[in-house]
Structures are given as structure tokens and as C-alpha cells.
Amino acid sequence: MPVININEDREIRLIWAKFQIVLSDHKRFCVRNAFWEEHNMDDWDRIRDELEAEMHAQIAKVRKRYRLEKRERDRLARERAENENKSTLETIPPPPPPRRSKRIQEKTE
């Protein structure tokens, strides 16, 4: 799993905090001891792994949505900039022809 930067976004931080609470409840002594007494520590590990996988899946879904939104915003900004550049190029009149001295004009003719 990739490293999670919890400072990336508020929604990701909320998901992270919610699952940290759920995981801390699952890791408590009384829960772990109940699994240990029944000799089901494999189930306890499986449940923990499922919780972590669900957390990572939700975070990945949020990151993917934000990545797609960012691409769309960038594309729209690029199109807007291209349209503005086209309109400014069309409105700028061509420069007047450069002045030439009579001597140079006579040489070229």
C-alpha cells in the first residue's frame, strides 16, 4: 500500500480518523483477549486486515475522484487560455510595413 499523507484533504482525514477509531476499538485488550481465549487470533487478524483494506479502498476512491476533477479543471483552464489567446491574436492589427529609405528602395528595384 502507498504511504498515506493524512494532510492531503479534509475528506481523507475524516476517513482516516474514523477508521483509526474503529481500529483502536478492535485492537483493545478485551476484544483481542476474547479472540485469544477462543483461539481465533487468525480471525482477529483477518478482521483487522479487512478494516484496513476498506479504509485504503475508500481513500483511493476519494483520491481518484479528486484526480479526475483536477484533470477536468486543468483541461478547462487550458481551453479557456487558448480561446483568450486566439481572440487577442485576432484583434491585434498587423504592424505597419517598415520604412525604407529612398536609396534602398531604388537599389532593390
N, C-alpha and C. Protein backbone atom coordinates (compact mmCIF):
# COMPACT_ATOMS: atom_id res chain seq x y z
N MET A 1 0.83 -1.18 0.00
CA MET A 1 0.00 0.00 0.00
C MET A 1 0.88 1.25 0.00
N PRO A 2 0.44 2.28 -0.73
CA PRO A 2 1.23 3.51 -0.73
C PRO A 2 1.12 4.23 0.61
N VAL A 3 2.08 5.08 0.86
CA VAL A 3 2.07 5.86 2.09
C VAL A 3 0.93 6.87 2.00
N ILE A 4 0.20 7.03 3.09
CA ILE A 4 -0.94 7.93 3.11
C ILE A 4 -0.54 9.24 3.77
N ASN A 5 -0.69 10.32 3.06
CA ASN A 5 -0.45 11.64 3.61
C ASN A 5 -1.77 12.16 4.16
N ILE A 6 -1.94 12.14 5.48
CA ILE A 6 -3.23 12.49 6.05
C ILE A 6 -3.51 13.98 6.01
N ASN A 7 -2.53 14.78 5.59
CA ASN A 7 -2.77 16.22 5.47
C ASN A 7 -3.25 16.61 4.09
N GLU A 8 -3.53 15.64 3.23
CA GLU A 8 -3.87 15.94 1.84
C GLU A 8 -5.23 16.61 1.71
N ASP A 9 -6.21 16.10 2.37
CA ASP A 9 -7.55 16.64 2.15
C ASP A 9 -8.41 16.35 3.38
N ARG A 10 -9.36 17.20 3.59
CA ARG A 10 -10.23 17.05 4.76
C ARG A 10 -11.03 15.75 4.71
N GLU A 11 -11.52 15.41 3.55
CA GLU A 11 -12.33 14.18 3.43
C GLU A 11 -11.48 12.94 3.73
N ILE A 12 -10.26 12.94 3.26
CA ILE A 12 -9.36 11.82 3.54
C ILE A 12 -9.03 11.77 5.02
N ARG A 13 -8.82 12.94 5.62
CA ARG A 13 -8.54 12.97 7.06
C ARG A 13 -9.72 12.43 7.86
N LEU A 14 -10.95 12.75 7.42
CA LEU A 14 -12.13 12.24 8.12
C LEU A 14 -12.22 10.71 8.01
N ILE A 15 -11.96 10.18 6.82
CA ILE A 15 -11.96 8.73 6.65
C ILE A 15 -10.88 8.10 7.52
N TRP A 16 -9.70 8.71 7.50
CA TRP A 16 -8.58 8.21 8.29
C TRP A 16 -8.93 8.19 9.78
N ALA A 17 -9.49 9.31 10.27
CA ALA A 17 -9.82 9.40 11.70
C ALA A 17 -10.89 8.38 12.09
N LYS A 18 -11.90 8.23 11.23
CA LYS A 18 -12.98 7.27 11.52
C LYS A 18 -12.41 5.85 11.65
N PHE A 19 -11.57 5.48 10.72
CA PHE A 19 -11.03 4.12 10.76
C PHE A 19 -10.00 3.95 11.87
N GLN A 20 -9.31 5.00 12.26
CA GLN A 20 -8.38 4.88 13.39
C GLN A 20 -9.15 4.58 14.67
N ILE A 21 -10.33 5.18 14.81
CA ILE A 21 -11.17 4.91 15.98
C ILE A 21 -11.66 3.46 15.94
N VAL A 22 -12.12 3.01 14.76
CA VAL A 22 -12.61 1.64 14.63
C VAL A 22 -11.47 0.65 14.89
N LEU A 23 -10.29 0.93 14.33
CA LEU A 23 -9.15 0.03 14.54
C LEU A 23 -8.69 0.02 15.99
N SER A 24 -8.72 1.19 16.63
CA SER A 24 -8.30 1.22 18.04
C SER A 24 -9.28 0.43 18.91
N ASP A 25 -10.58 0.49 18.58
CA ASP A 25 -11.55 -0.33 19.31
C ASP A 25 -11.29 -1.82 19.08
N HIS A 26 -10.92 -2.17 17.85
CA HIS A 26 -10.68 -3.58 17.52
C HIS A 26 -9.40 -4.08 18.20
N LYS A 27 -8.43 -3.19 18.39
CA LYS A 27 -7.16 -3.60 18.98
C LYS A 27 -7.16 -3.58 20.51
N ARG A 28 -8.27 -3.20 21.10
CA ARG A 28 -8.34 -3.16 22.57
C ARG A 28 -8.11 -4.55 23.16
N PHE A 29 -7.64 -4.54 24.39
CA PHE A 29 -7.30 -5.79 25.07
C PHE A 29 -8.51 -6.72 25.18
N CYS A 30 -9.67 -6.15 25.52
CA CYS A 30 -10.83 -7.02 25.74
C CYS A 30 -11.27 -7.70 24.44
N VAL A 31 -11.18 -7.01 23.32
CA VAL A 31 -11.56 -7.63 22.04
C VAL A 31 -10.52 -8.67 21.64
N ARG A 32 -9.26 -8.27 21.73
CA ARG A 32 -8.18 -9.19 21.35
C ARG A 32 -8.17 -10.42 22.26
N ASN A 33 -8.41 -10.19 23.55
CA ASN A 33 -8.41 -11.30 24.51
C ASN A 33 -9.57 -12.26 24.23
N ALA A 34 -10.71 -11.73 23.81
CA ALA A 34 -11.84 -12.60 23.51
C ALA A 34 -11.49 -13.54 22.34
N PHE A 35 -10.83 -13.02 21.34
CA PHE A 35 -10.39 -13.86 20.22
C PHE A 35 -9.31 -14.84 20.68
N TRP A 36 -8.43 -14.38 21.56
CA TRP A 36 -7.33 -15.23 22.02
C TRP A 36 -7.84 -16.42 22.83
N GLU A 37 -8.85 -16.15 23.68
CA GLU A 37 -9.40 -17.23 24.51
C GLU A 37 -10.07 -18.29 23.66
N GLU A 38 -10.66 -17.88 22.55
CA GLU A 38 -11.32 -18.84 21.66
C GLU A 38 -10.35 -19.42 20.63
N HIS A 39 -9.06 -19.04 20.72
CA HIS A 39 -8.03 -19.50 19.79
C HIS A 39 -8.36 -19.09 18.35
N ASN A 40 -8.85 -17.87 18.20
CA ASN A 40 -9.23 -17.35 16.89
C ASN A 40 -8.43 -16.10 16.54
N MET A 41 -7.16 -16.05 16.84
CA MET A 41 -6.37 -14.86 16.52
C MET A 41 -6.26 -14.66 15.01
N ASP A 42 -6.40 -15.74 14.24
CA ASP A 42 -6.40 -15.59 12.79
C ASP A 42 -7.61 -14.78 12.34
N ASP A 43 -8.76 -15.02 12.99
CA ASP A 43 -9.96 -14.24 12.67
C ASP A 43 -9.77 -12.77 13.06
N TRP A 44 -9.13 -12.56 14.21
CA TRP A 44 -8.88 -11.19 14.65
C TRP A 44 -7.99 -10.46 13.64
N ASP A 45 -6.94 -11.12 13.15
CA ASP A 45 -6.07 -10.54 12.12
C ASP A 45 -6.82 -10.31 10.82
N ARG A 46 -7.67 -11.25 10.45
CA ARG A 46 -8.44 -11.12 9.22
C ARG A 46 -9.36 -9.91 9.28
N ILE A 47 -10.04 -9.73 10.43
CA ILE A 47 -10.94 -8.59 10.59
C ILE A 47 -10.15 -7.29 10.52
N ARG A 48 -8.99 -7.25 11.18
CA ARG A 48 -8.15 -6.05 11.12
C ARG A 48 -7.72 -5.75 9.69
N ASP A 49 -7.31 -6.78 8.97
CA ASP A 49 -6.90 -6.60 7.57
C ASP A 49 -8.05 -6.12 6.71
N GLU A 50 -9.26 -6.64 6.95
CA GLU A 50 -10.43 -6.19 6.19
C GLU A 50 -10.73 -4.72 6.47
N LEU A 51 -10.64 -4.32 7.73
CA LEU A 51 -10.88 -2.92 8.08
C LEU A 51 -9.85 -2.01 7.40
N GLU A 52 -8.59 -2.41 7.43
CA GLU A 52 -7.55 -1.60 6.80
C GLU A 52 -7.74 -1.55 5.28
N ALA A 53 -8.11 -2.67 4.68
CA ALA A 53 -8.34 -2.70 3.23
C ALA A 53 -9.51 -1.80 2.85
N GLU A 54 -10.56 -1.82 3.66
CA GLU A 54 -11.72 -0.96 3.38
C GLU A 54 -11.32 0.51 3.48
N MET A 55 -10.52 0.86 4.49
CA MET A 55 -10.06 2.23 4.65
C MET A 55 -9.24 2.66 3.44
N HIS A 56 -8.31 1.82 3.02
CA HIS A 56 -7.47 2.17 1.88
C HIS A 56 -8.29 2.27 0.59
N ALA A 57 -9.31 1.43 0.45
CA ALA A 57 -10.16 1.48 -0.75
C ALA A 57 -10.94 2.79 -0.78
N GLN A 58 -11.49 3.21 0.35
CA GLN A 58 -12.24 4.47 0.39
C GLN A 58 -11.33 5.65 0.10
N ILE A 59 -10.12 5.64 0.66
CA ILE A 59 -9.18 6.72 0.42
C ILE A 59 -8.77 6.75 -1.05
N ALA A 60 -8.55 5.59 -1.64
CA ALA A 60 -8.18 5.53 -3.06
C ALA A 60 -9.31 6.06 -3.94
N LYS A 61 -10.56 5.75 -3.57
CA LYS A 61 -11.71 6.24 -4.33
C LYS A 61 -11.79 7.77 -4.27
N VAL A 62 -11.56 8.33 -3.09
CA VAL A 62 -11.60 9.79 -2.94
C VAL A 62 -10.46 10.43 -3.73
N ARG A 63 -9.27 9.85 -3.64
CA ARG A 63 -8.13 10.40 -4.39
C ARG A 63 -8.37 10.34 -5.89
N LYS A 64 -8.95 9.25 -6.36
CA LYS A 64 -9.23 9.11 -7.79
C LYS A 64 -10.23 10.17 -8.24
N ARG A 65 -11.28 10.39 -7.42
CA ARG A 65 -12.27 11.41 -7.77
C ARG A 65 -11.63 12.79 -7.84
N TYR A 66 -10.78 13.12 -6.85
CA TYR A 66 -10.12 14.42 -6.87
C TYR A 66 -9.15 14.55 -8.03
N ARG A 67 -8.47 13.46 -8.38
CA ARG A 67 -7.54 13.49 -9.51
C ARG A 67 -8.30 13.75 -10.81
N LEU A 68 -9.47 13.11 -10.99
CA LEU A 68 -10.27 13.33 -12.19
C LEU A 68 -10.81 14.76 -12.24
N GLU A 69 -11.26 15.27 -11.08
CA GLU A 69 -11.75 16.65 -11.03
C GLU A 69 -10.63 17.64 -11.37
N LYS A 70 -9.42 17.37 -10.88
CA LYS A 70 -8.29 18.26 -11.17
C LYS A 70 -7.95 18.24 -12.65
N ARG A 71 -7.97 17.05 -13.26
CA ARG A 71 -7.71 16.96 -14.70
C ARG A 71 -8.73 17.77 -15.49
N GLU A 72 -10.00 17.66 -15.09
CA GLU A 72 -11.06 18.40 -15.79
C GLU A 72 -10.87 19.90 -15.63
N ARG A 73 -10.53 20.34 -14.40
CA ARG A 73 -10.30 21.78 -14.19
C ARG A 73 -9.12 22.27 -15.02
N ASP A 74 -8.05 21.47 -15.07
CA ASP A 74 -6.88 21.85 -15.86
C ASP A 74 -7.21 21.93 -17.35
N ARG A 75 -7.99 20.96 -17.82
CA ARG A 75 -8.38 20.96 -19.23
C ARG A 75 -9.21 22.19 -19.57
N LEU A 76 -10.17 22.52 -18.70
CA LEU A 76 -11.00 23.71 -18.94
C LEU A 76 -10.16 24.98 -18.89
N ALA A 77 -9.22 25.06 -17.98
CA ALA A 77 -8.36 26.24 -17.89
C ALA A 77 -7.50 26.36 -19.14
N ARG A 78 -6.98 25.23 -19.64
CA ARG A 78 -6.18 25.26 -20.86
C ARG A 78 -7.01 25.73 -22.05
N GLU A 79 -8.24 25.20 -22.17
CA GLU A 79 -9.12 25.62 -23.27
C GLU A 79 -9.44 27.10 -23.17
N ARG A 80 -9.71 27.57 -21.96
CA ARG A 80 -10.03 28.98 -21.75
C ARG A 80 -8.83 29.86 -22.14
N ALA A 81 -7.64 29.42 -21.77
CA ALA A 81 -6.44 30.19 -22.11
C ALA A 81 -6.21 30.20 -23.62
N GLU A 82 -6.45 29.07 -24.28
CA GLU A 82 -6.30 29.03 -25.73
C GLU A 82 -7.30 29.95 -26.42
N ASN A 83 -8.54 29.96 -25.94
CA ASN A 83 -9.55 30.84 -26.53
C ASN A 83 -9.19 32.30 -26.33
N GLU A 84 -8.66 32.63 -25.17
CA GLU A 84 -8.27 34.02 -24.91
C GLU A 84 -7.10 34.41 -25.80
N ASN A 85 -6.15 33.49 -26.00
CA ASN A 85 -5.01 33.79 -26.86
C ASN A 85 -5.45 33.97 -28.31
N LYS A 86 -6.38 33.16 -28.77
CA LYS A 86 -6.87 33.30 -30.14
C LYS A 86 -7.55 34.64 -30.34
N SER A 87 -8.38 35.02 -29.39
CA SER A 87 -9.12 36.28 -29.55
C SER A 87 -8.17 37.48 -29.51
N THR A 88 -7.13 37.43 -28.68
CA THR A 88 -6.21 38.57 -28.63
C THR A 88 -5.36 38.62 -29.89
N LEU A 89 -5.00 37.47 -30.47
CA LEU A 89 -4.23 37.48 -31.70
C LEU A 89 -5.05 38.00 -32.87
N GLU A 90 -6.34 37.71 -32.87
CA GLU A 90 -7.21 38.17 -33.94
C GLU A 90 -7.46 39.68 -33.86
N THR A 91 -7.48 40.25 -32.68
CA THR A 91 -7.79 41.67 -32.53
C THR A 91 -6.58 42.57 -32.71
N ILE A 92 -5.39 42.03 -32.63
CA ILE A 92 -4.19 42.85 -32.79
C ILE A 92 -3.99 43.10 -34.29
N PRO A 93 -3.94 44.38 -34.70
CA PRO A 93 -3.75 44.66 -36.13
C PRO A 93 -2.31 44.35 -36.53
N PRO A 94 -2.11 44.03 -37.79
CA PRO A 94 -0.74 43.74 -38.22
C PRO A 94 0.10 45.02 -38.15
N PRO A 95 1.38 44.87 -37.90
CA PRO A 95 2.22 46.06 -37.78
C PRO A 95 2.38 46.73 -39.15
N PRO A 96 2.59 48.05 -39.16
CA PRO A 96 2.78 48.73 -40.46
C PRO A 96 4.09 48.28 -41.09
N PRO A 97 4.17 48.35 -42.39
CA PRO A 97 5.42 47.92 -43.03
C PRO A 97 6.57 48.84 -42.60
N PRO A 98 7.76 48.30 -42.51
CA PRO A 98 8.88 49.12 -42.06
C PRO A 98 9.21 50.20 -43.09
N ARG A 99 9.64 51.34 -42.62
CA ARG A 99 10.02 52.43 -43.53
C ARG A 99 11.36 52.12 -44.16
N ARG A 100 11.45 52.41 -45.40
CA ARG A 100 12.71 52.21 -46.09
C ARG A 100 13.14 53.53 -46.71
N SER A 101 14.39 53.68 -46.72
CA SER A 101 14.88 54.91 -47.34
C SER A 101 14.75 54.82 -48.85
N LYS A 102 14.73 55.95 -49.48
CA LYS A 102 14.58 56.00 -50.92
C LYS A 102 15.76 55.33 -51.60
N ARG A 103 16.94 55.43 -51.04
CA ARG A 103 18.14 54.84 -51.63
C ARG A 103 18.01 53.32 -51.67
N ILE A 104 17.52 52.68 -50.57
CA ILE A 104 17.38 51.23 -50.51
C ILE A 104 16.27 50.78 -51.47
N GLN A 105 15.20 51.53 -51.54
CA GLN A 105 14.12 51.18 -52.47
C GLN A 105 14.60 51.21 -53.90
N GLU A 106 15.43 52.15 -54.25
CA GLU A 106 15.93 52.24 -55.62
C GLU A 106 16.88 51.09 -55.93
N LYS A 107 17.65 50.65 -54.93
CA LYS A 107 18.59 49.54 -55.14
C LYS A 107 17.83 48.24 -55.42
N THR A 108 16.76 47.99 -54.69
CA THR A 108 16.02 46.73 -54.84
C THR A 108 15.23 46.70 -56.14
N GLU A 109 14.89 47.82 -56.70
CA GLU A 109 14.09 47.84 -57.93
C GLU A 109 14.89 47.75 -59.14
